[in-house]
Amino acid sequence: FRQWSEDVVFFQHTMSPPTAEQAEQLAARGIPVIAGAVSA
């Protein structure tokens, strides 16, 4: 989805934290990771 917008946020929700490689990829593409479950 980063291809379609520069403003993309990843909600970790119920997943485990991204691996080191994934975290680097997200950071390199300017995609913040927000911890915590989405409730609504």
All heavy atoms as atom14 arrays in JSON, in Angstrom:
{
  "sequence": "FRQWSEDVVFFQHTMSPPTAEQAEQLAARGIPVIAGAVSA",
  "atom14_mask": [
    [1, 1, 1, 1, 1, 1, 1, 1, 1, 1, 1, 0, 0, 0],
    [1, 1, 1, 1, 1, 1, 1, 1, 1, 1, 1, 0, 0, 0],
    [1, 1, 1, 1, 1, 1, 1, 1, 1, 0, 0, 0, 0, 0],
    [1, 1, 1, 1, 1, 1, 1, 1, 1, 1, 1, 1, 1, 1],
    [1, 1, 1, 1, 1, 1, 0, 0, 0, 0, 0, 0, 0, 0],
    [1, 1, 1, 1, 1, 1, 1, 1, 1, 0, 0, 0, 0, 0],
    [1, 1, 1, 1, 1, 1, 1, 1, 0, 0, 0, 0, 0, 0],
    [1, 1, 1, 1, 1, 1, 1, 0, 0, 0, 0, 0, 0, 0],
    [1, 1, 1, 1, 1, 1, 1, 0, 0, 0, 0, 0, 0, 0],
    [1, 1, 1, 1, 1, 1, 1, 1, 1, 1, 1, 0, 0, 0],
    [1, 1, 1, 1, 1, 1, 1, 1, 1, 1, 1, 0, 0, 0],
    [1, 1, 1, 1, 1, 1, 1, 1, 1, 0, 0, 0, 0, 0],
    [1, 1, 1, 1, 1, 1, 1, 1, 1, 1, 0, 0, 0, 0],
    [1, 1, 1, 1, 1, 1, 1, 0, 0, 0, 0, 0, 0, 0],
    [1, 1, 1, 1, 1, 1, 1, 1, 0, 0, 0, 0, 0, 0],
    [1, 1, 1, 1, 1, 1, 0, 0, 0, 0, 0, 0, 0, 0],
    [1, 1, 1, 1, 1, 1, 1, 0, 0, 0, 0, 0, 0, 0],
    [1, 1, 1, 1, 1, 1, 1, 0, 0, 0, 0, 0, 0, 0],
    [1, 1, 1, 1, 1, 1, 1, 0, 0, 0, 0, 0, 0, 0],
    [1, 1, 1, 1, 1, 0, 0, 0, 0, 0, 0, 0, 0, 0],
    [1, 1, 1, 1, 1, 1, 1, 1, 1, 0, 0, 0, 0, 0],
    [1, 1, 1, 1, 1, 1, 1, 1, 1, 0, 0, 0, 0, 0],
    [1, 1, 1, 1, 1, 0, 0, 0, 0, 0, 0, 0, 0, 0],
    [1, 1, 1, 1, 1, 1, 1, 1, 1, 0, 0, 0, 0, 0],
    [1, 1, 1, 1, 1, 1, 1, 1, 1, 0, 0, 0, 0, 0],
    [1, 1, 1, 1, 1, 1, 1, 1, 0, 0, 0, 0, 0, 0],
    [1, 1, 1, 1, 1, 0, 0, 0, 0, 0, 0, 0, 0, 0],
    [1, 1, 1, 1, 1, 0, 0, 0, 0, 0, 0, 0, 0, 0],
    [1, 1, 1, 1, 1, 1, 1, 1, 1, 1, 1, 0, 0, 0],
    [1, 1, 1, 1, 0, 0, 0, 0, 0, 0, 0, 0, 0, 0],
    [1, 1, 1, 1, 1, 1, 1, 1, 0, 0, 0, 0, 0, 0],
    [1, 1, 1, 1, 1, 1, 1, 0, 0, 0, 0, 0, 0, 0],
    [1, 1, 1, 1, 1, 1, 1, 0, 0, 0, 0, 0, 0, 0],
    [1, 1, 1, 1, 1, 1, 1, 1, 0, 0, 0, 0, 0, 0],
    [1, 1, 1, 1, 1, 0, 0, 0, 0, 0, 0, 0, 0, 0],
    [1, 1, 1, 1, 0, 0, 0, 0, 0, 0, 0, 0, 0, 0],
    [1, 1, 1, 1, 1, 0, 0, 0, 0, 0, 0, 0, 0, 0],
    [1, 1, 1, 1, 1, 1, 1, 0, 0, 0, 0, 0, 0, 0],
    [1, 1, 1, 1, 1, 1, 0, 0, 0, 0, 0, 0, 0, 0],
    [1, 1, 1, 1, 1, 0, 0, 0, 0, 0, 0, 0, 0, 0]
  ],
  "atom14_positions": [
    [[0.82, -1.21, 0.0], [0.0, 0.0, 0.0], [0.85, 1.26, 0.0], [0.37, 2.34, -0.38], [-0.98, 0.0, 1.18], [-2.31, -0.6, 0.83], [-2.6, -1.92, 1.14], [-3.27, 0.14, 0.16], [-3.83, -2.48, 0.81], [-4.49, -0.4, -0.19], [-4.79, -1.72, 0.14], [0.0, 0.0, 0.0], [0.0, 0.0, 0.0], [0.0, 0.0, 0.0]],
    [[2.1, 1.17, 0.39], [3.0, 2.32, 0.34], [3.17, 2.82, -1.09], [3.49, 3.99, -1.32], [4.35, 1.92, 0.96], [5.4, 3.01, 0.92], [4.98, 4.24, 1.71], [6.04, 5.23, 1.67], [6.29, 6.05, 0.64], [5.51, 5.99, -0.46], [7.28, 6.9, 0.68], [0.0, 0.0, 0.0], [0.0, 0.0, 0.0], [0.0, 0.0, 0.0]],
    [[2.92, 1.94, -2.08], [2.98, 2.36, -3.48], [1.89, 3.37, -3.82], [2.06, 4.21, -4.71], [2.84, 1.12, -4.38], [2.7, 1.4, -5.86], [3.93, 2.08, -6.45], [5.02, 1.98, -5.9], [3.76, 2.76, -7.57], [0.0, 0.0, 0.0], [0.0, 0.0, 0.0], [0.0, 0.0, 0.0], [0.0, 0.0, 0.0], [0.0, 0.0, 0.0]],
    [[0.78, 3.33, -3.1], [-0.36, 4.19, -3.41], [-0.46, 5.43, -2.51], [-1.22, 6.33, -2.79], [-1.66, 3.39, -3.31], [-1.93, 2.53, -4.51], [-2.68, 2.87, -5.6], [-1.44, 1.21, -4.78], [-2.7, 1.85, -6.52], [-1.94, 0.82, -6.04], [-0.63, 0.33, -4.06], [-1.65, -0.43, -6.6], [-0.34, -0.92, -4.63], [-0.85, -1.28, -5.88]],
    [[0.29, 5.43, -1.44], [0.24, 6.59, -0.54], [1.54, 6.7, 0.25], [2.14, 5.68, 0.62], [-0.94, 6.44, 0.43], [-0.93, 7.48, 1.4], [0.0, 0.0, 0.0], [0.0, 0.0, 0.0], [0.0, 0.0, 0.0], [0.0, 0.0, 0.0], [0.0, 0.0, 0.0], [0.0, 0.0, 0.0], [0.0, 0.0, 0.0], [0.0, 0.0, 0.0]],
    [[1.95, 7.94, 0.53], [3.13, 8.17, 1.37], [2.78, 8.14, 2.85], [3.67, 8.12, 3.69], [3.77, 9.51, 1.01], [4.34, 9.57, -0.4], [5.01, 10.9, -0.7], [4.96, 11.8, 0.18], [5.59, 11.05, -1.79], [0.0, 0.0, 0.0], [0.0, 0.0, 0.0], [0.0, 0.0, 0.0], [0.0, 0.0, 0.0], [0.0, 0.0, 0.0]],
    [[1.48, 8.13, 3.15], [1.02, 8.17, 4.54], [0.41, 6.83, 4.92], [-0.81, 6.64, 4.87], [0.0, 9.3, 4.73], [-0.41, 9.49, 6.17], [0.1, 8.75, 7.05], [-1.25, 10.36, 6.44], [0.0, 0.0, 0.0], [0.0, 0.0, 0.0], [0.0, 0.0, 0.0], [0.0, 0.0, 0.0], [0.0, 0.0, 0.0], [0.0, 0.0, 0.0]],
    [[1.27, 5.89, 5.26], [0.83, 4.55, 5.66], [1.34, 4.26, 7.06], [2.51, 4.48, 7.37], [1.35, 3.47, 4.68], [0.94, 2.07, 5.14], [0.83, 3.73, 3.27], [0.0, 0.0, 0.0], [0.0, 0.0, 0.0], [0.0, 0.0, 0.0], [0.0, 0.0, 0.0], [0.0, 0.0, 0.0], [0.0, 0.0, 0.0], [0.0, 0.0, 0.0]],
    [[0.46, 3.76, 7.9], [0.8, 3.37, 9.27], [0.47, 1.9, 9.46], [-0.57, 1.42, 8.99], [0.0, 4.22, 10.29], [0.11, 3.63, 11.69], [0.5, 5.66, 10.28], [0.0, 0.0, 0.0], [0.0, 0.0, 0.0], [0.0, 0.0, 0.0], [0.0, 0.0, 0.0], [0.0, 0.0, 0.0], [0.0, 0.0, 0.0], [0.0, 0.0, 0.0]],
    [[1.38, 1.17, 10.14], [1.13, -0.24, 10.43], [0.74, -0.4, 11.88], [1.5, -0.05, 12.8], [2.39, -1.07, 10.14], [2.2, -2.54, 10.4], [1.46, -3.32, 9.54], [2.77, -3.14, 11.52], [1.27, -4.67, 9.77], [2.59, -4.49, 11.77], [1.84, -5.26, 10.89], [0.0, 0.0, 0.0], [0.0, 0.0, 0.0], [0.0, 0.0, 0.0]],
    [[-0.49, -0.91, 12.09], [-0.97, -1.19, 13.44], [-0.61, -2.63, 13.79], [-1.1, -3.56, 13.15], [-2.48, -0.98, 13.53], [-2.91, 0.44, 13.35], [-3.4, 0.89, 12.12], [-2.82, 1.35, 14.39], [-3.8, 2.2, 11.95], [-3.22, 2.67, 14.23], [-3.7, 3.11, 13.01], [0.0, 0.0, 0.0], [0.0, 0.0, 0.0], [0.0, 0.0, 0.0]],
    [[0.24, -2.79, 14.79], [0.69, -4.12, 15.15], [-0.47, -5.0, 15.59], [-0.46, -6.22, 15.39], [1.74, -4.03, 16.26], [2.43, -5.35, 16.57], [3.52, -5.13, 17.6], [4.32, -4.2, 17.51], [3.55, -6.0, 18.6], [0.0, 0.0, 0.0], [0.0, 0.0, 0.0], [0.0, 0.0, 0.0], [0.0, 0.0, 0.0], [0.0, 0.0, 0.0]],
    [[-1.46, -4.4, 16.23], [-2.68, -5.09, 16.66], [-2.32, -6.31, 17.52], [-1.68, -6.16, 18.54], [-3.53, -5.45, 15.44], [-4.91, -5.91, 15.74], [-5.73, -5.26, 16.65], [-5.63, -6.98, 15.28], [-6.88, -5.9, 16.73], [-6.85, -6.94, 15.92], [0.0, 0.0, 0.0], [0.0, 0.0, 0.0], [0.0, 0.0, 0.0], [0.0, 0.0, 0.0]],
    [[-2.7, -7.49, 17.11], [-2.45, -8.69, 17.92], [-1.22, -9.46, 17.46], [-0.93, -10.54, 17.99], [-3.67, -9.62, 17.88], [-3.96, -9.94, 16.52], [-4.9, -8.94, 18.5], [0.0, 0.0, 0.0], [0.0, 0.0, 0.0], [0.0, 0.0, 0.0], [0.0, 0.0, 0.0], [0.0, 0.0, 0.0], [0.0, 0.0, 0.0], [0.0, 0.0, 0.0]],
    [[-0.48, -8.93, 16.5], [0.7, -9.62, 15.99], [1.9, -9.42, 16.91], [1.96, -8.48, 17.69], [1.05, -9.11, 14.59], [0.12, -9.59, 13.49], [0.64, -9.0, 11.86], [2.28, -9.74, 11.71], [0.0, 0.0, 0.0], [0.0, 0.0, 0.0], [0.0, 0.0, 0.0], [0.0, 0.0, 0.0], [0.0, 0.0, 0.0], [0.0, 0.0, 0.0]],
    [[2.86, -10.32, 16.75], [4.14, -10.13, 17.42], [4.86, -8.95, 16.77], [4.56, -8.59, 15.62], [5.01, -11.39, 17.3], [4.36, -12.51, 17.87], [0.0, 0.0, 0.0], [0.0, 0.0, 0.0], [0.0, 0.0, 0.0], [0.0, 0.0, 0.0], [0.0, 0.0, 0.0], [0.0, 0.0, 0.0], [0.0, 0.0, 0.0], [0.0, 0.0, 0.0]],
    [[5.81, -8.34, 17.48], [6.55, -7.23, 16.87], [7.24, -7.67, 15.59], [7.61, -8.85, 15.45], [7.56, -6.86, 17.96], [6.97, -7.34, 19.23], [6.21, -8.59, 18.87], [0.0, 0.0, 0.0], [0.0, 0.0, 0.0], [0.0, 0.0, 0.0], [0.0, 0.0, 0.0], [0.0, 0.0, 0.0], [0.0, 0.0, 0.0], [0.0, 0.0, 0.0]],
    [[7.41, -6.79, 14.64], [8.12, -7.14, 13.41], [9.53, -7.64, 13.72], [10.14, -7.22, 14.7], [8.16, -5.81, 12.62], [7.04, -5.01, 13.17], [6.93, -5.38, 14.61], [0.0, 0.0, 0.0], [0.0, 0.0, 0.0], [0.0, 0.0, 0.0], [0.0, 0.0, 0.0], [0.0, 0.0, 0.0], [0.0, 0.0, 0.0], [0.0, 0.0, 0.0]],
    [[10.01, -8.55, 12.87], [11.39, -8.99, 13.0], [12.32, -7.81, 12.68], [11.87, -6.76, 12.18], [11.69, -10.14, 12.03], [11.58, -9.64, 10.68], [10.72, -11.29, 12.23], [0.0, 0.0, 0.0], [0.0, 0.0, 0.0], [0.0, 0.0, 0.0], [0.0, 0.0, 0.0], [0.0, 0.0, 0.0], [0.0, 0.0, 0.0], [0.0, 0.0, 0.0]],
    [[13.59, -7.98, 12.96], [14.56, -6.9, 12.69], [14.55, -6.53, 11.2], [14.59, -5.34, 10.84], [15.95, -7.35, 13.12], [0.0, 0.0, 0.0], [0.0, 0.0, 0.0], [0.0, 0.0, 0.0], [0.0, 0.0, 0.0], [0.0, 0.0, 0.0], [0.0, 0.0, 0.0], [0.0, 0.0, 0.0], [0.0, 0.0, 0.0], [0.0, 0.0, 0.0]],
    [[14.48, -7.54, 10.34], [14.46, -7.27, 8.9], [13.18, -6.53, 8.5], [13.23, -5.57, 7.72], [14.56, -8.59, 8.12], [14.54, -8.39, 6.61], [14.59, -9.71, 5.85], [14.45, -10.78, 6.48], [14.74, -9.67, 4.61], [0.0, 0.0, 0.0], [0.0, 0.0, 0.0], [0.0, 0.0, 0.0], [0.0, 0.0, 0.0], [0.0, 0.0, 0.0]],
    [[12.03, -6.98, 9.02], [10.78, -6.31, 8.7], [10.74, -4.89, 9.23], [10.28, -3.96, 8.54], [9.62, -7.11, 9.29], [9.39, -8.47, 8.63], [8.42, -9.33, 9.41], [8.26, -9.18, 10.63], [7.75, -10.25, 8.72], [0.0, 0.0, 0.0], [0.0, 0.0, 0.0], [0.0, 0.0, 0.0], [0.0, 0.0, 0.0], [0.0, 0.0, 0.0]],
    [[11.23, -4.69, 10.45], [11.26, -3.35, 11.03], [12.11, -2.41, 10.18], [11.76, -1.24, 9.98], [11.79, -3.41, 12.45], [0.0, 0.0, 0.0], [0.0, 0.0, 0.0], [0.0, 0.0, 0.0], [0.0, 0.0, 0.0], [0.0, 0.0, 0.0], [0.0, 0.0, 0.0], [0.0, 0.0, 0.0], [0.0, 0.0, 0.0], [0.0, 0.0, 0.0]],
    [[13.22, -2.91, 9.67], [14.08, -2.1, 8.82], [13.37, -1.74, 7.52], [13.46, -0.59, 7.04], [15.37, -2.85, 8.53], [16.38, -2.05, 7.7], [17.65, -2.82, 7.44], [17.57, -4.02, 7.08], [18.74, -2.22, 7.59], [0.0, 0.0, 0.0], [0.0, 0.0, 0.0], [0.0, 0.0, 0.0], [0.0, 0.0, 0.0], [0.0, 0.0, 0.0]],
    [[12.67, -2.71, 6.94], [11.95, -2.44, 5.7], [10.88, -1.38, 5.91], [10.74, -0.45, 5.1], [11.31, -3.74, 5.19], [12.29, -4.78, 4.7], [11.62, -6.1, 4.39], [10.54, -6.4, 4.89], [12.26, -6.92, 3.55], [0.0, 0.0, 0.0], [0.0, 0.0, 0.0], [0.0, 0.0, 0.0], [0.0, 0.0, 0.0], [0.0, 0.0, 0.0]],
    [[10.11, -1.51, 6.97], [9.06, -0.54, 7.26], [9.65, 0.84, 7.51], [9.14, 1.86, 6.99], [8.24, -1.0, 8.46], [7.4, -2.27, 8.25], [6.86, -2.77, 9.58], [6.25, -2.01, 7.28], [0.0, 0.0, 0.0], [0.0, 0.0, 0.0], [0.0, 0.0, 0.0], [0.0, 0.0, 0.0], [0.0, 0.0, 0.0], [0.0, 0.0, 0.0]],
    [[10.74, 0.9, 8.28], [11.37, 2.2, 8.56], [11.92, 2.83, 7.29], [11.79, 4.05, 7.08], [12.48, 2.01, 9.6], [0.0, 0.0, 0.0], [0.0, 0.0, 0.0], [0.0, 0.0, 0.0], [0.0, 0.0, 0.0], [0.0, 0.0, 0.0], [0.0, 0.0, 0.0], [0.0, 0.0, 0.0], [0.0, 0.0, 0.0], [0.0, 0.0, 0.0]],
    [[12.51, 2.01, 6.43], [13.08, 2.54, 5.19], [12.01, 3.11, 4.28], [12.27, 4.05, 3.52], [13.85, 1.42, 4.47], [0.0, 0.0, 0.0], [0.0, 0.0, 0.0], [0.0, 0.0, 0.0], [0.0, 0.0, 0.0], [0.0, 0.0, 0.0], [0.0, 0.0, 0.0], [0.0, 0.0, 0.0], [0.0, 0.0, 0.0], [0.0, 0.0, 0.0]],
    [[10.8, 2.58, 4.37], [9.71, 3.07, 3.55], [8.86, 4.12, 4.26], [7.84, 4.56, 3.74], [8.81, 1.89, 3.12], [9.5, 0.91, 2.19], [9.81, 1.54, 0.84], [8.61, 1.58, 0.0], [8.46, 2.38, -1.04], [9.4, 3.23, -1.37], [7.35, 2.34, -1.75], [0.0, 0.0, 0.0], [0.0, 0.0, 0.0], [0.0, 0.0, 0.0]],
    [[9.28, 4.51, 5.45], [8.57, 5.57, 6.16], [7.22, 5.13, 6.69], [6.27, 5.93, 6.72], [0.0, 0.0, 0.0], [0.0, 0.0, 0.0], [0.0, 0.0, 0.0], [0.0, 0.0, 0.0], [0.0, 0.0, 0.0], [0.0, 0.0, 0.0], [0.0, 0.0, 0.0], [0.0, 0.0, 0.0], [0.0, 0.0, 0.0], [0.0, 0.0, 0.0]],
    [[7.12, 3.88, 7.13], [5.87, 3.34, 7.65], [6.01, 3.14, 9.16], [6.65, 2.19, 9.6], [5.52, 2.0, 6.97], [5.41, 2.17, 5.44], [4.2, 1.44, 7.53], [5.23, 0.86, 4.69], [0.0, 0.0, 0.0], [0.0, 0.0, 0.0], [0.0, 0.0, 0.0], [0.0, 0.0, 0.0], [0.0, 0.0, 0.0], [0.0, 0.0, 0.0]],
    [[5.42, 4.02, 9.97], [5.5, 3.86, 11.43], [4.77, 2.6, 11.89], [3.78, 2.19, 11.29], [4.81, 5.12, 11.97], [4.75, 6.06, 10.82], [4.67, 5.22, 9.59], [0.0, 0.0, 0.0], [0.0, 0.0, 0.0], [0.0, 0.0, 0.0], [0.0, 0.0, 0.0], [0.0, 0.0, 0.0], [0.0, 0.0, 0.0], [0.0, 0.0, 0.0]],
    [[5.28, 2.01, 12.98], [4.63, 0.86, 13.6], [4.02, 1.32, 14.92], [4.71, 1.89, 15.76], [5.63, -0.28, 13.86], [4.94, -1.44, 14.59], [6.24, -0.77, 12.55], [0.0, 0.0, 0.0], [0.0, 0.0, 0.0], [0.0, 0.0, 0.0], [0.0, 0.0, 0.0], [0.0, 0.0, 0.0], [0.0, 0.0, 0.0], [0.0, 0.0, 0.0]],
    [[2.72, 1.08, 15.07], [2.02, 1.48, 16.29], [1.64, 0.21, 17.05], [0.88, -0.63, 16.55], [0.78, 2.31, 15.96], [1.19, 3.61, 15.25], [-0.02, 2.62, 17.22], [0.04, 4.5, 14.88], [0.0, 0.0, 0.0], [0.0, 0.0, 0.0], [0.0, 0.0, 0.0], [0.0, 0.0, 0.0], [0.0, 0.0, 0.0], [0.0, 0.0, 0.0]],
    [[2.18, 0.07, 18.26], [1.89, -1.1, 19.08], [0.52, -0.96, 19.73], [-0.02, 0.15, 19.84], [2.98, -1.27, 20.14], [0.0, 0.0, 0.0], [0.0, 0.0, 0.0], [0.0, 0.0, 0.0], [0.0, 0.0, 0.0], [0.0, 0.0, 0.0], [0.0, 0.0, 0.0], [0.0, 0.0, 0.0], [0.0, 0.0, 0.0], [0.0, 0.0, 0.0]],
    [[-0.03, -2.08, 20.15], [-1.32, -2.07, 20.82], [-2.44, -2.52, 19.92], [-2.43, -2.27, 18.71], [0.0, 0.0, 0.0], [0.0, 0.0, 0.0], [0.0, 0.0, 0.0], [0.0, 0.0, 0.0], [0.0, 0.0, 0.0], [0.0, 0.0, 0.0], [0.0, 0.0, 0.0], [0.0, 0.0, 0.0], [0.0, 0.0, 0.0], [0.0, 0.0, 0.0]],
    [[-3.42, -3.2, 20.53], [-4.54, -3.73, 19.76], [-5.49, -2.62, 19.33], [-5.72, -1.66, 20.07], [-5.3, -4.76, 20.59], [0.0, 0.0, 0.0], [0.0, 0.0, 0.0], [0.0, 0.0, 0.0], [0.0, 0.0, 0.0], [0.0, 0.0, 0.0], [0.0, 0.0, 0.0], [0.0, 0.0, 0.0], [0.0, 0.0, 0.0], [0.0, 0.0, 0.0]],
    [[-6.02, -2.76, 18.14], [-7.07, -1.85, 17.64], [-8.41, -2.39, 18.16], [-8.75, -3.55, 17.93], [-7.07, -1.79, 16.1], [-8.23, -0.95, 15.6], [-5.74, -1.26, 15.59], [0.0, 0.0, 0.0], [0.0, 0.0, 0.0], [0.0, 0.0, 0.0], [0.0, 0.0, 0.0], [0.0, 0.0, 0.0], [0.0, 0.0, 0.0], [0.0, 0.0, 0.0]],
    [[-9.16, -1.54, 18.83], [-10.43, -1.99, 19.41], [-11.65, -1.55, 18.61], [-12.69, -2.21, 18.67], [-10.56, -1.49, 20.85], [-10.58, -0.07, 20.88], [0.0, 0.0, 0.0], [0.0, 0.0, 0.0], [0.0, 0.0, 0.0], [0.0, 0.0, 0.0], [0.0, 0.0, 0.0], [0.0, 0.0, 0.0], [0.0, 0.0, 0.0], [0.0, 0.0, 0.0]],
    [[-11.54, -0.43, 17.89], [-12.73, 0.08, 17.2], [-12.34, 0.94, 16.0], [-11.27, 1.54, 15.96], [-13.61, 0.88, 18.16], [0.0, 0.0, 0.0], [0.0, 0.0, 0.0], [0.0, 0.0, 0.0], [0.0, 0.0, 0.0], [0.0, 0.0, 0.0], [0.0, 0.0, 0.0], [0.0, 0.0, 0.0], [0.0, 0.0, 0.0], [0.0, 0.0, 0.0]]
  ]
}
